[in-house]
Amino acid sequence: MVSAIITLIIVSIVLIGISFFMTDKIDQLESLYEELSISTMQDTYQIKKQIKVLEEELLIDSFNKRPDLPKQTEQVHLVDKIHHLHNNGLSAEEIAKQTDLDFHAVKAIINNRN
């Protein structure tokens, strides 16, 4: 009986000693998970950065393509000018000469208002 207890104590000491030298698979998994999450965060940051750059480029492009708005306001101003000249008693031919527009275009603008 004493020899069995001594054998069990020796076996337990040997097993405890062996357990210190074995690699822990959970620690390996934790380190792999940590590396994966760090690389994922870095990739996400890079993608967000690229999206921000692309959005800025799109905004710049949209501002460069906005010259149509001044043309529209110029057209509105021209239409108002044609109506003003017509109200002052000028004929469509005289308005066409002053605005460098076609007679028919001036006539159409005048008729659209009435």
PDB file of N, CA and C in Angstrom:
ATOM      1  N   MET A   1       0.819  -1.181   0.000  1.00  0.00           N
ATOM      2  CA  MET A   1       0.000   0.000   0.000  1.00  0.00           C
ATOM      3  C   MET A   1       0.873   1.259   0.000  1.00  0.00           C
ATOM      4  N   VAL A   2       1.898   1.265   0.784  1.00  0.00           N
ATOM      5  CA  VAL A   2       2.812   2.392   0.837  1.00  0.00           C
ATOM      6  C   VAL A   2       3.518   2.526  -0.518  1.00  0.00           C
ATOM      7  N   SER A   3       3.865   1.430  -1.106  1.00  0.00           N
ATOM      8  CA  SER A   3       4.546   1.496  -2.402  1.00  0.00           C
ATOM      9  C   SER A   3       3.605   2.045  -3.484  1.00  0.00           C
ATOM     10  N   ALA A   4       2.324   1.756  -3.404  1.00  0.00           N
ATOM     11  CA  ALA A   4       1.349   2.275  -4.370  1.00  0.00           C
ATOM     12  C   ALA A   4       1.213   3.782  -4.216  1.00  0.00           C
ATOM     13  N   ILE A   5       1.188   4.268  -3.015  1.00  0.00           N
ATOM     14  CA  ILE A   5       1.078   5.706  -2.763  1.00  0.00           C
ATOM     15  C   ILE A   5       2.334   6.416  -3.254  1.00  0.00           C
ATOM     16  N   ILE A   6       3.501   5.831  -2.984  1.00  0.00           N
ATOM     17  CA  ILE A   6       4.759   6.422  -3.422  1.00  0.00           C
ATOM     18  C   ILE A   6       4.800   6.434  -4.954  1.00  0.00           C
ATOM     19  N   THR A   7       4.324   5.371  -5.582  1.00  0.00           N
ATOM     20  CA  THR A   7       4.301   5.301  -7.041  1.00  0.00           C
ATOM     21  C   THR A   7       3.370   6.377  -7.609  1.00  0.00           C
ATOM     22  N   LEU A   8       2.221   6.537  -6.998  1.00  0.00           N
ATOM     23  CA  LEU A   8       1.282   7.575  -7.446  1.00  0.00           C
ATOM     24  C   LEU A   8       1.876   8.977  -7.282  1.00  0.00           C
ATOM     25  N   ILE A   9       2.566   9.230  -6.215  1.00  0.00           N
ATOM     26  CA  ILE A   9       3.192  10.537  -5.983  1.00  0.00           C
ATOM     27  C   ILE A   9       4.276  10.786  -7.025  1.00  0.00           C
ATOM     28  N   ILE A  10       5.089   9.760  -7.329  1.00  0.00           N
ATOM     29  CA  ILE A  10       6.167   9.901  -8.316  1.00  0.00           C
ATOM     30  C   ILE A  10       5.568  10.141  -9.707  1.00  0.00           C
ATOM     31  N   VAL A  11       4.519   9.399 -10.039  1.00  0.00           N
ATOM     32  CA  VAL A  11       3.878   9.566 -11.341  1.00  0.00           C
ATOM     33  C   VAL A  11       3.273  10.966 -11.457  1.00  0.00           C
ATOM     34  N   SER A  12       2.658  11.437 -10.398  1.00  0.00           N
ATOM     35  CA  SER A  12       2.056  12.783 -10.433  1.00  0.00           C
ATOM     36  C   SER A  12       3.129  13.857 -10.576  1.00  0.00           C
ATOM     37  N   ILE A  13       4.274  13.696  -9.921  1.00  0.00           N
ATOM     38  CA  ILE A  13       5.364  14.674 -10.041  1.00  0.00           C
ATOM     39  C   ILE A  13       5.908  14.661 -11.466  1.00  0.00           C
ATOM     40  N   VAL A  14       6.053  13.472 -12.047  1.00  0.00           N
ATOM     41  CA  VAL A  14       6.550  13.366 -13.416  1.00  0.00           C
ATOM     42  C   VAL A  14       5.558  14.015 -14.391  1.00  0.00           C
ATOM     43  N   LEU A  15       4.270  13.768 -14.201  1.00  0.00           N
ATOM     44  CA  LEU A  15       3.262  14.354 -15.079  1.00  0.00           C
ATOM     45  C   LEU A  15       3.209  15.885 -14.949  1.00  0.00           C
ATOM     46  N   ILE A  16       3.357  16.383 -13.765  1.00  0.00           N
ATOM     47  CA  ILE A  16       3.392  17.840 -13.575  1.00  0.00           C
ATOM     48  C   ILE A  16       4.621  18.422 -14.271  1.00  0.00           C
ATOM     49  N   GLY A  17       5.753  17.756 -14.155  1.00  0.00           N
ATOM     50  CA  GLY A  17       6.976  18.208 -14.825  1.00  0.00           C
ATOM     51  C   GLY A  17       6.822  18.204 -16.335  1.00  0.00           C
ATOM     52  N   ILE A  18       6.208  17.154 -16.854  1.00  0.00           N
ATOM     53  CA  ILE A  18       5.996  17.069 -18.310  1.00  0.00           C
ATOM     54  C   ILE A  18       5.041  18.160 -18.781  1.00  0.00           C
ATOM     55  N   SER A  19       4.026  18.471 -17.994  1.00  0.00           N
ATOM     56  CA  SER A  19       3.041  19.476 -18.397  1.00  0.00           C
ATOM     57  C   SER A  19       3.671  20.868 -18.543  1.00  0.00           C
ATOM     58  N   PHE A  20       4.744  21.146 -17.802  1.00  0.00           N
ATOM     59  CA  PHE A  20       5.414  22.438 -17.933  1.00  0.00           C
ATOM     60  C   PHE A  20       6.163  22.555 -19.257  1.00  0.00           C
ATOM     61  N   PHE A  21       6.618  21.442 -19.787  1.00  0.00           N
ATOM     62  CA  PHE A  21       7.394  21.469 -21.017  1.00  0.00           C
ATOM     63  C   PHE A  21       6.535  21.337 -22.274  1.00  0.00           C
ATOM     64  N   MET A  22       5.283  20.979 -22.132  1.00  0.00           N
ATOM     65  CA  MET A  22       4.393  20.841 -23.299  1.00  0.00           C
ATOM     66  C   MET A  22       3.906  22.229 -23.731  1.00  0.00           C
ATOM     67  N   THR A  23       3.757  22.385 -25.040  1.00  0.00           N
ATOM     68  CA  THR A  23       3.244  23.658 -25.537  1.00  0.00           C
ATOM     69  C   THR A  23       1.730  23.685 -25.372  1.00  0.00           C
ATOM     70  N   ASP A  24       1.248  24.844 -25.030  1.00  0.00           N
ATOM     71  CA  ASP A  24      -0.190  24.996 -24.810  1.00  0.00           C
ATOM     72  C   ASP A  24      -0.853  25.401 -26.128  1.00  0.00           C
ATOM     73  N   LYS A  25      -1.735  24.568 -26.627  1.00  0.00           N
ATOM     74  CA  LYS A  25      -2.382  24.830 -27.910  1.00  0.00           C
ATOM     75  C   LYS A  25      -3.340  26.013 -27.821  1.00  0.00           C
ATOM     76  N   ILE A  26      -3.888  26.251 -26.669  1.00  0.00           N
ATOM     77  CA  ILE A  26      -4.797  27.398 -26.507  1.00  0.00           C
ATOM     78  C   ILE A  26      -4.020  28.704 -26.639  1.00  0.00           C
ATOM     79  N   ASP A  27      -2.815  28.752 -26.098  1.00  0.00           N
ATOM     80  CA  ASP A  27      -1.986  29.950 -26.256  1.00  0.00           C
ATOM     81  C   ASP A  27      -1.660  30.196 -27.723  1.00  0.00           C
ATOM     82  N   GLN A  28      -1.379  29.125 -28.465  1.00  0.00           N
ATOM     83  CA  GLN A  28      -1.115  29.268 -29.894  1.00  0.00           C
ATOM     84  C   GLN A  28      -2.339  29.803 -30.623  1.00  0.00           C
ATOM     85  N   LEU A  29      -3.510  29.266 -30.295  1.00  0.00           N
ATOM     86  CA  LEU A  29      -4.745  29.735 -30.930  1.00  0.00           C
ATOM     87  C   LEU A  29      -5.018  31.195 -30.593  1.00  0.00           C
ATOM     88  N   GLU A  30      -4.764  31.569 -29.348  1.00  0.00           N
ATOM     89  CA  GLU A  30      -4.973  32.970 -28.950  1.00  0.00           C
ATOM     90  C   GLU A  30      -4.043  33.896 -29.714  1.00  0.00           C
ATOM     91  N   SER A  31      -2.793  33.501 -29.881  1.00  0.00           N
ATOM     92  CA  SER A  31      -1.852  34.357 -30.606  1.00  0.00           C
ATOM     93  C   SER A  31      -2.235  34.445 -32.084  1.00  0.00           C
ATOM     94  N   LEU A  32      -2.682  33.322 -32.675  1.00  0.00           N
ATOM     95  CA  LEU A  32      -3.135  33.353 -34.067  1.00  0.00           C
ATOM     96  C   LEU A  32      -4.366  34.254 -34.222  1.00  0.00           C
ATOM     97  N   TYR A  33      -5.290  34.155 -33.287  1.00  0.00           N
ATOM     98  CA  TYR A  33      -6.487  34.997 -33.317  1.00  0.00           C
ATOM     99  C   TYR A  33      -6.119  36.479 -33.200  1.00  0.00           C
ATOM    100  N   GLU A  34      -5.188  36.777 -32.331  1.00  0.00           N
ATOM    101  CA  GLU A  34      -4.731  38.148 -32.150  1.00  0.00           C
ATOM    102  C   GLU A  34      -4.110  38.701 -33.440  1.00  0.00           C
ATOM    103  N   GLU A  35      -3.256  37.896 -34.072  1.00  0.00           N
ATOM    104  CA  GLU A  35      -2.633  38.315 -35.325  1.00  0.00           C
ATOM    105  C   GLU A  35      -3.677  38.525 -36.418  1.00  0.00           C
ATOM    106  N   LEU A  36      -4.636  37.640 -36.479  1.00  0.00           N
ATOM    107  CA  LEU A  36      -5.700  37.761 -37.474  1.00  0.00           C
ATOM    108  C   LEU A  36      -6.534  39.016 -37.243  1.00  0.00           C
ATOM    109  N   SER A  37      -6.877  39.286 -36.011  1.00  0.00           N
ATOM    110  CA  SER A  37      -7.695  40.473 -35.743  1.00  0.00           C
ATOM    111  C   SER A  37      -6.911  41.756 -36.020  1.00  0.00           C
ATOM    112  N   ILE A  38      -5.633  41.764 -35.735  1.00  0.00           N
ATOM    113  CA  ILE A  38      -4.809  42.942 -36.022  1.00  0.00           C
ATOM    114  C   ILE A  38      -4.705  43.160 -37.525  1.00  0.00           C
ATOM    115  N   SER A  39      -4.472  42.094 -38.275  1.00  0.00           N
ATOM    116  CA  SER A  39      -4.366  42.250 -39.733  1.00  0.00           C
ATOM    117  C   SER A  39      -5.716  42.665 -40.332  1.00  0.00           C
ATOM    118  N   THR A  40      -6.814  42.151 -39.789  1.00  0.00           N
ATOM    119  CA  THR A  40      -8.142  42.544 -40.261  1.00  0.00           C
ATOM    120  C   THR A  40      -8.390  44.023 -39.988  1.00  0.00           C
ATOM    121  N   MET A  41      -8.007  44.486 -38.829  1.00  0.00           N
ATOM    122  CA  MET A  41      -8.181  45.901 -38.494  1.00  0.00           C
ATOM    123  C   MET A  41      -7.334  46.783 -39.417  1.00  0.00           C
ATOM    124  N   GLN A  42      -6.119  46.342 -39.712  1.00  0.00           N
ATOM    125  CA  GLN A  42      -5.271  47.113 -40.611  1.00  0.00           C
ATOM    126  C   GLN A  42      -5.871  47.164 -42.015  1.00  0.00           C
ATOM    127  N   ASP A  43      -6.380  46.041 -42.487  1.00  0.00           N
ATOM    128  CA  ASP A  43      -7.015  46.004 -43.806  1.00  0.00           C
ATOM    129  C   ASP A  43      -8.246  46.910 -43.844  1.00  0.00           C
ATOM    130  N   THR A  44      -9.051  46.865 -42.802  1.00  0.00           N
ATOM    131  CA  THR A  44     -10.238  47.714 -42.722  1.00  0.00           C
ATOM    132  C   THR A  44      -9.847  49.187 -42.747  1.00  0.00           C
ATOM    133  N   TYR A  45      -8.805  49.538 -42.025  1.00  0.00           N
ATOM    134  CA  TYR A  45      -8.334  50.918 -42.007  1.00  0.00           C
ATOM    135  C   TYR A  45      -7.885  51.352 -43.403  1.00  0.00           C
ATOM    136  N   GLN A  46      -7.133  50.490 -44.089  1.00  0.00           N
ATOM    137  CA  GLN A  46      -6.662  50.818 -45.432  1.00  0.00           C
ATOM    138  C   GLN A  46      -7.832  50.990 -46.399  1.00  0.00           C
ATOM    139  N   ILE A  47      -8.824  50.117 -46.298  1.00  0.00           N
ATOM    140  CA  ILE A  47      -9.987  50.208 -47.192  1.00  0.00           C
ATOM    141  C   ILE A  47     -10.754  51.495 -46.925  1.00  0.00           C
ATOM    142  N   LYS A  48     -10.958  51.837 -45.664  1.00  0.00           N
ATOM    143  CA  LYS A  48     -11.662  53.085 -45.331  1.00  0.00           C
ATOM    144  C   LYS A  48     -10.897  54.296 -45.850  1.00  0.00           C
ATOM    145  N   LYS A  49      -9.584  54.236 -45.749  1.00  0.00           N
ATOM    146  CA  LYS A  49      -8.746  55.324 -46.231  1.00  0.00           C
ATOM    147  C   LYS A  49      -8.883  55.476 -47.747  1.00  0.00           C
ATOM    148  N   GLN A  50      -8.883  54.351 -48.467  1.00  0.00           N
ATOM    149  CA  GLN A  50      -9.030  54.389 -49.921  1.00  0.00           C
ATOM    150  C   GLN A  50     -10.420  54.884 -50.315  1.00  0.00           C
ATOM    151  N   ILE A  51     -11.441  54.473 -49.579  1.00  0.00           N
ATOM    152  CA  ILE A  51     -12.800  54.936 -49.870  1.00  0.00           C
ATOM    153  C   ILE A  51     -12.885  56.447 -49.674  1.00  0.00           C
ATOM    154  N   LYS A  52     -12.257  56.950 -48.642  1.00  0.00           N
ATOM    155  CA  LYS A  52     -12.273  58.391 -48.379  1.00  0.00           C
ATOM    156  C   LYS A  52     -11.604  59.153 -49.524  1.00  0.00           C
ATOM    157  N   VAL A  53     -10.484  58.623 -50.017  1.00  0.00           N
ATOM    158  CA  VAL A  53      -9.786  59.259 -51.136  1.00  0.00           C
ATOM    159  C   VAL A  53     -10.672  59.254 -52.384  1.00  0.00           C
ATOM    160  N   LEU A  54     -11.323  58.121 -52.651  1.00  0.00           N
ATOM    161  CA  LEU A  54     -12.200  58.022 -53.816  1.00  0.00           C
ATOM    162  C   LEU A  54     -13.389  58.969 -53.703  1.00  0.00           C
ATOM    163  N   GLU A  55     -13.963  59.090 -52.513  1.00  0.00           N
ATOM    164  CA  GLU A  55     -15.081  60.016 -52.315  1.00  0.00           C
ATOM    165  C   GLU A  55     -14.639  61.453 -52.573  1.00  0.00           C
ATOM    166  N   GLU A  56     -13.441  61.801 -52.107  1.00  0.00           N
ATOM    167  CA  GLU A  56     -12.936  63.149 -52.341  1.00  0.00           C
ATOM    168  C   GLU A  56     -12.727  63.393 -53.832  1.00  0.00           C
ATOM    169  N   GLU A  57     -12.208  62.380 -54.538  1.00  0.00           N
ATOM    170  CA  GLU A  57     -12.019  62.522 -55.985  1.00  0.00           C
ATOM    171  C   GLU A  57     -13.363  62.691 -56.691  1.00  0.00           C
ATOM    172  N   LEU A  58     -14.370  61.953 -56.248  1.00  0.00           N
ATOM    173  CA  LEU A  58     -15.693  62.082 -56.849  1.00  0.00           C
ATOM    174  C   LEU A  58     -16.274  63.468 -56.591  1.00  0.00           C
ATOM    175  N   LEU A  59     -16.055  63.996 -55.404  1.00  0.00           N
ATOM    176  CA  LEU A  59     -16.545  65.338 -55.097  1.00  0.00           C
ATOM    177  C   LEU A  59     -15.850  66.375 -55.971  1.00  0.00           C
ATOM    178  N   ILE A  60     -14.545  66.203 -56.145  1.00  0.00           N
ATOM    179  CA  ILE A  60     -13.791  67.143 -56.983  1.00  0.00           C
ATOM    180  C   ILE A  60     -14.285  67.052 -58.417  1.00  0.00           C
ATOM    181  N   ASP A  61     -14.506  65.816 -58.911  1.00  0.00           N
ATOM    182  CA  ASP A  61     -15.010  65.639 -60.269  1.00  0.00           C
ATOM    183  C   ASP A  61     -16.390  66.245 -60.433  1.00  0.00           C
ATOM    184  N   SER A  62     -17.234  66.079 -59.419  1.00  0.00           N
ATOM    185  CA  SER A  62     -18.591  66.631 -59.539  1.00  0.00           C
ATOM    186  C   SER A  62     -18.550  68.157 -59.539  1.00  0.00           C
ATOM    187  N   PHE A  63     -17.607  68.759 -58.810  1.00  0.00           N
ATOM    188  CA  PHE A  63     -17.490  70.210 -58.839  1.00  0.00           C
ATOM    189  C   PHE A  63     -16.953  70.689 -60.184  1.00  0.00           C
ATOM    190  N   ASN A  64     -16.086  69.885 -60.783  1.00  0.00           N
ATOM    191  CA  ASN A  64     -15.544  70.260 -62.097  1.00  0.00           C
ATOM    192  C   ASN A  64     -16.596  70.152 -63.188  1.00  0.00           C
ATOM    193  N   LYS A  65     -17.569  69.300 -62.997  1.00  0.00           N
ATOM    194  CA  LYS A  65     -18.602  69.123 -64.008  1.00  0.00           C
ATOM    195  C   LYS A  65     -19.805  70.022 -63.765  1.00  0.00           C
ATOM    196  N   ARG A  66     -19.751  70.940 -62.818  1.00  0.00           N
ATOM    197  CA  ARG A  66     -20.868  71.805 -62.490  1.00  0.00           C
ATOM    198  C   ARG A  66     -20.951  73.084 -63.325  1.00  0.00           C
ATOM    199  N   PRO A  67     -20.104  73.309 -64.312  1.00  0.00           N
ATOM    200  CA  PRO A  67     -20.245  74.535 -65.074  1.00  0.00           C
ATOM    201  C   PRO A  67     -21.576  74.637 -65.813  1.00  0.00           C
ATOM    202  N   ASP A  68     -22.360  73.570 -65.855  1.00  0.00           N
ATOM    203  CA  ASP A  68     -23.664  73.641 -66.492  1.00  0.00           C
ATOM    204  C   ASP A  68     -24.597  74.593 -65.752  1.00  0.00           C
ATOM    205  N   LEU A  69     -24.420  74.703 -64.452  1.00  0.00           N
ATOM    206  CA  LEU A  69     -25.291  75.587 -63.688  1.00  0.00           C
ATOM    207  C   LEU A  69     -25.143  77.049 -64.106  1.00  0.00           C
ATOM    208  N   PRO A  70     -23.926  77.580 -64.260  1.00  0.00           N
ATOM    209  CA  PRO A  70     -23.838  78.962 -64.723  1.00  0.00           C
ATOM    210  C   PRO A  70     -24.453  79.140 -66.111  1.00  0.00           C
ATOM    211  N   LYS A  71     -24.330  78.142 -66.975  1.00  0.00           N
ATOM    212  CA  LYS A  71     -24.946  78.251 -68.294  1.00  0.00           C
ATOM    213  C   LYS A  71     -26.458  78.357 -68.157  1.00  0.00           C
ATOM    214  N   GLN A  72     -27.029  77.587 -67.240  1.00  0.00           N
ATOM    215  CA  GLN A  72     -28.474  77.646 -67.043  1.00  0.00           C
ATOM    216  C   GLN A  72     -28.886  79.011 -66.509  1.00  0.00           C
ATOM    217  N   THR A  73     -28.110  79.556 -65.578  1.00  0.00           N
ATOM    218  CA  THR A  73     -28.459  80.881 -65.055  1.00  0.00           C
ATOM    219  C   THR A  73     -28.270  81.938 -66.127  1.00  0.00           C
ATOM    220  N   GLU A  74     -27.263  81.749 -66.996  1.00  0.00           N
ATOM    221  CA  GLU A  74     -27.089  82.682 -68.108  1.00  0.00           C
ATOM    222  C   GLU A  74     -28.284  82.607 -69.051  1.00  0.00           C
ATOM    223  N   GLN A  75     -28.790  81.401 -69.283  1.00  0.00           N
ATOM    224  CA  GLN A  75     -29.947  81.236 -70.157  1.00  0.00           C
ATOM    225  C   GLN A  75     -31.171  81.897 -69.545  1.00  0.00           C
ATOM    226  N   VAL A  76     -31.346  81.718 -68.236  1.00  0.00           N
ATOM    227  CA  VAL A  76     -32.483  82.367 -67.564  1.00  0.00           C
ATOM    228  C   VAL A  76     -32.343  83.880 -67.665  1.00  0.00           C
ATOM    229  N   HIS A  77     -31.122  84.351 -67.471  1.00  0.00           N
ATOM    230  CA  HIS A  77     -30.881  85.794 -67.575  1.00  0.00           C
ATOM    231  C   HIS A  77     -31.178  86.289 -68.995  1.00  0.00           C
ATOM    232  N   LEU A  78     -30.792  85.521 -70.002  1.00  0.00           N
ATOM    233  CA  LEU A  78     -31.047  85.886 -71.390  1.00  0.00           C
ATOM    234  C   LEU A  78     -32.544  85.912 -71.680  1.00  0.00           C
ATOM    235  N   VAL A  79     -33.266  84.932 -71.159  1.00  0.00           N
ATOM    236  CA  VAL A  79     -34.725  84.896 -71.344  1.00  0.00           C
ATOM    237  C   VAL A  79     -35.358  86.121 -70.692  1.00  0.00           C
ATOM    238  N   ASP A  80     -34.906  86.441 -69.481  1.00  0.00           N
ATOM    239  CA  ASP A  80     -35.436  87.641 -68.810  1.00  0.00           C
ATOM    240  C   ASP A  80     -35.121  88.900 -69.611  1.00  0.00           C
ATOM    241  N   LYS A  81     -33.924  88.950 -70.164  1.00  0.00           N
ATOM    242  CA  LYS A  81     -33.535  90.111 -70.978  1.00  0.00           C
ATOM    243  C   LYS A  81     -34.428  90.231 -72.213  1.00  0.00           C
ATOM    244  N   ILE A  82     -34.717  89.077 -72.853  1.00  0.00           N
ATOM    245  CA  ILE A  82     -35.580  89.091 -74.046  1.00  0.00           C
ATOM    246  C   ILE A  82     -36.973  89.594 -73.667  1.00  0.00           C
ATOM    247  N   HIS A  83     -37.513  89.120 -72.558  1.00  0.00           N
ATOM    248  CA  HIS A  83     -38.839  89.571 -72.121  1.00  0.00           C
ATOM    249  C   HIS A  83     -38.828  91.063 -71.775  1.00  0.00           C
ATOM    250  N   HIS A  84     -37.760  91.514 -71.151  1.00  0.00           N
ATOM    251  CA  HIS A  84     -37.653  92.927 -70.794  1.00  0.00           C
ATOM    252  C   HIS A  84     -37.615  93.803 -72.054  1.00  0.00           C
ATOM    253  N   LEU A  85     -36.799  93.365 -73.030  1.00  0.00           N
ATOM    254  CA  LEU A  85     -36.725  94.138 -74.276  1.00  0.00           C
ATOM    255  C   LEU A  85     -38.069  94.125 -75.015  1.00  0.00           C
ATOM    256  N   HIS A  86     -38.756  93.015 -74.982  1.00  0.00           N
ATOM    257  CA  HIS A  86     -40.063  92.923 -75.647  1.00  0.00           C
ATOM    258  C   HIS A  86     -41.083  93.824 -74.940  1.00  0.00           C
ATOM    259  N   ASN A  87     -41.011  93.863 -73.613  1.00  0.00           N
ATOM    260  CA  ASN A  87     -41.919  94.741 -72.860  1.00  0.00           C
ATOM    261  C   ASN A  87     -41.625  96.216 -73.123  1.00  0.00           C
ATOM    262  N   ASN A  88     -40.376  96.518 -73.475  1.00  0.00           N
ATOM    263  CA  ASN A  88     -40.008  97.904 -73.786  1.00  0.00           C
ATOM    264  C   ASN A  88     -40.399  98.285 -75.212  1.00  0.00           C
ATOM    265  N   GLY A  89     -41.000  97.353 -75.952  1.00  0.00           N
ATOM    266  CA  GLY A  89     -41.519  97.687 -77.263  1.00  0.00           C
ATOM    267  C   GLY A  89     -40.652  97.298 -78.437  1.00  0.00           C
ATOM    268  N   LEU A  90     -39.560  96.579 -78.205  1.00  0.00           N
ATOM    269  CA  LEU A  90     -38.717  96.166 -79.326  1.00  0.00           C
ATOM    270  C   LEU A  90     -39.358  94.977 -80.031  1.00  0.00           C
ATOM    271  N   SER A  91     -39.133  94.909 -81.321  1.00  0.00           N
ATOM    272  CA  SER A  91     -39.669  93.776 -82.083  1.00  0.00           C
ATOM    273  C   SER A  91     -38.756  92.574 -81.928  1.00  0.00           C
ATOM    274  N   ALA A  92     -39.259  91.406 -82.344  1.00  0.00           N
ATOM    275  CA  ALA A  92     -38.483  90.173 -82.231  1.00  0.00           C
ATOM    276  C   ALA A  92     -37.221  90.248 -83.084  1.00  0.00           C
ATOM    277  N   GLU A  93     -37.293  90.905 -84.234  1.00  0.00           N
ATOM    278  CA  GLU A  93     -36.107  91.031 -85.092  1.00  0.00           C
ATOM    279  C   GLU A  93     -35.031  91.872 -84.407  1.00  0.00           C
ATOM    280  N   GLU A  94     -35.432  92.984 -83.783  1.00  0.00           N
ATOM    281  CA  GLU A  94     -34.465  93.842 -83.091  1.00  0.00           C
ATOM    282  C   GLU A  94     -33.847  93.122 -81.896  1.00  0.00           C
ATOM    283  N   ILE A  95     -34.671  92.360 -81.170  1.00  0.00           N
ATOM    284  CA  ILE A  95     -34.157  91.592 -80.021  1.00  0.00           C
ATOM    285  C   ILE A  95     -33.180  90.524 -80.503  1.00  0.00           C
ATOM    286  N   ALA A  96     -33.487  89.879 -81.616  1.00  0.00           N
ATOM    287  CA  ALA A  96     -32.602  88.850 -82.172  1.00  0.00           C
ATOM    288  C   ALA A  96     -31.250  89.450 -82.534  1.00  0.00           C
ATOM    289  N   LYS A  97     -31.250  90.673 -83.108  1.00  0.00           N
ATOM    290  CA  LYS A  97     -29.983  91.324 -83.464  1.00  0.00           C
ATOM    291  C   LYS A  97     -29.183  91.674 -82.214  1.00  0.00           C
ATOM    292  N   GLN A  98     -29.861  92.162 -81.168  1.00  0.00           N
ATOM    293  CA  GLN A  98     -29.157  92.583 -79.953  1.00  0.00           C
ATOM    294  C   GLN A  98     -28.595  91.384 -79.170  1.00  0.00           C
ATOM    295  N   THR A  99     -29.312  90.280 -79.177  1.00  0.00           N
ATOM    296  CA  THR A  99     -28.888  89.122 -78.374  1.00  0.00           C
ATOM    297  C   THR A  99     -28.126  88.080 -79.181  1.00  0.00           C
ATOM    298  N   ASP A 100     -27.968  88.309 -80.477  1.00  0.00           N
ATOM    299  CA  ASP A 100     -27.289  87.355 -81.363  1.00  0.00           C
ATOM    300  C   ASP A 100     -27.967  85.985 -81.362  1.00  0.00           C
ATOM    301  N   LEU A 101     -29.282  85.997 -81.241  1.00  0.00           N
ATOM    302  CA  LEU A 101     -30.049  84.762 -81.322  1.00  0.00           C
ATOM    303  C   LEU A 101     -30.819  84.716 -82.629  1.00  0.00           C
ATOM    304  N   ASP A 102     -31.286  83.530 -82.945  1.00  0.00           N
ATOM    305  CA  ASP A 102     -32.106  83.334 -84.131  1.00  0.00           C
ATOM    306  C   ASP A 102     -33.473  83.991 -83.908  1.00  0.00           C
ATOM    307  N   PHE A 103     -34.022  84.554 -84.968  1.00  0.00           N
ATOM    308  CA  PHE A 103     -35.323  85.218 -84.888  1.00  0.00           C
ATOM    309  C   PHE A 103     -36.390  84.264 -84.354  1.00  0.00           C
ATOM    310  N   HIS A 104     -36.386  83.021 -84.816  1.00  0.00           N
ATOM    311  CA  HIS A 104     -37.399  82.049 -84.402  1.00  0.00           C
ATOM    312  C   HIS A 104     -37.249  81.676 -82.924  1.00  0.00           C
ATOM    313  N   ALA A 105     -36.002  81.634 -82.446  1.00  0.00           N
ATOM    314  CA  ALA A 105     -35.781  81.336 -81.027  1.00  0.00           C
ATOM    315  C   ALA A 105     -36.337  82.459 -80.165  1.00  0.00           C
ATOM    316  N   VAL A 106     -36.078  83.690 -80.575  1.00  0.00           N
ATOM    317  CA  VAL A 106     -36.600  84.841 -79.826  1.00  0.00           C
ATOM    318  C   VAL A 106     -38.125  84.826 -79.844  1.00  0.00           C
ATOM    319  N   LYS A 107     -38.699  84.552 -81.000  1.00  0.00           N
ATOM    320  CA  LYS A 107     -40.162  84.506 -81.134  1.00  0.00           C
ATOM    321  C   LYS A 107     -40.738  83.410 -80.219  1.00  0.00           C
ATOM    322  N   ALA A 108     -40.075  82.245 -80.179  1.00  0.00           N
ATOM    323  CA  ALA A 108     -40.541  81.145 -79.326  1.00  0.00           C
ATOM    324  C   ALA A 108     -40.469  81.521 -77.848  1.00  0.00           C
ATOM    325  N   ILE A 109     -39.407  82.223 -77.447  1.00  0.00           N
ATOM    326  CA  ILE A 109     -39.264  82.630 -76.048  1.00  0.00           C
ATOM    327  C   ILE A 109     -40.355  83.631 -75.688  1.00  0.00           C
ATOM    328  N   ILE A 110     -40.627  84.556 -76.583  1.00  0.00           N
ATOM    329  CA  ILE A 110     -41.676  85.551 -76.323  1.00  0.00           C
ATOM    330  C   ILE A 110     -43.048  84.864 -76.249  1.00  0.00           C
ATOM    331  N   ASN A 111     -43.302  83.942 -77.137  1.00  0.00           N
ATOM    332  CA  ASN A 111     -44.602  83.248 -77.155  1.00  0.00           C
ATOM    333  C   ASN A 111     -44.782  82.325 -75.950  1.00  0.00           C
ATOM    334  N   ASN A 112     -43.705  81.783 -75.432  1.00  0.00           N
ATOM    335  CA  ASN A 112     -43.807  80.897 -74.266  1.00  0.00           C
ATOM    336  C   ASN A 112     -44.218  81.654 -73.020  1.00  0.00           C
ATOM    337  N   ARG A 113     -43.869  82.896 -72.943  1.00  0.00           N
ATOM    338  CA  ARG A 113     -44.230  83.691 -71.756  1.00  0.00           C
ATOM    339  C   ARG A 113     -45.705  84.047 -71.801  1.00  0.00           C
ATOM    340  N   ASN A 114     -46.199  84.293 -72.953  1.00  0.00           N
ATOM    341  CA  ASN A 114     -47.595  84.716 -73.061  1.00  0.00           C
ATOM    342  C   ASN A 114     -48.474  83.549 -73.046  1.00  0.00           C
TER     343      ASN A 114
END
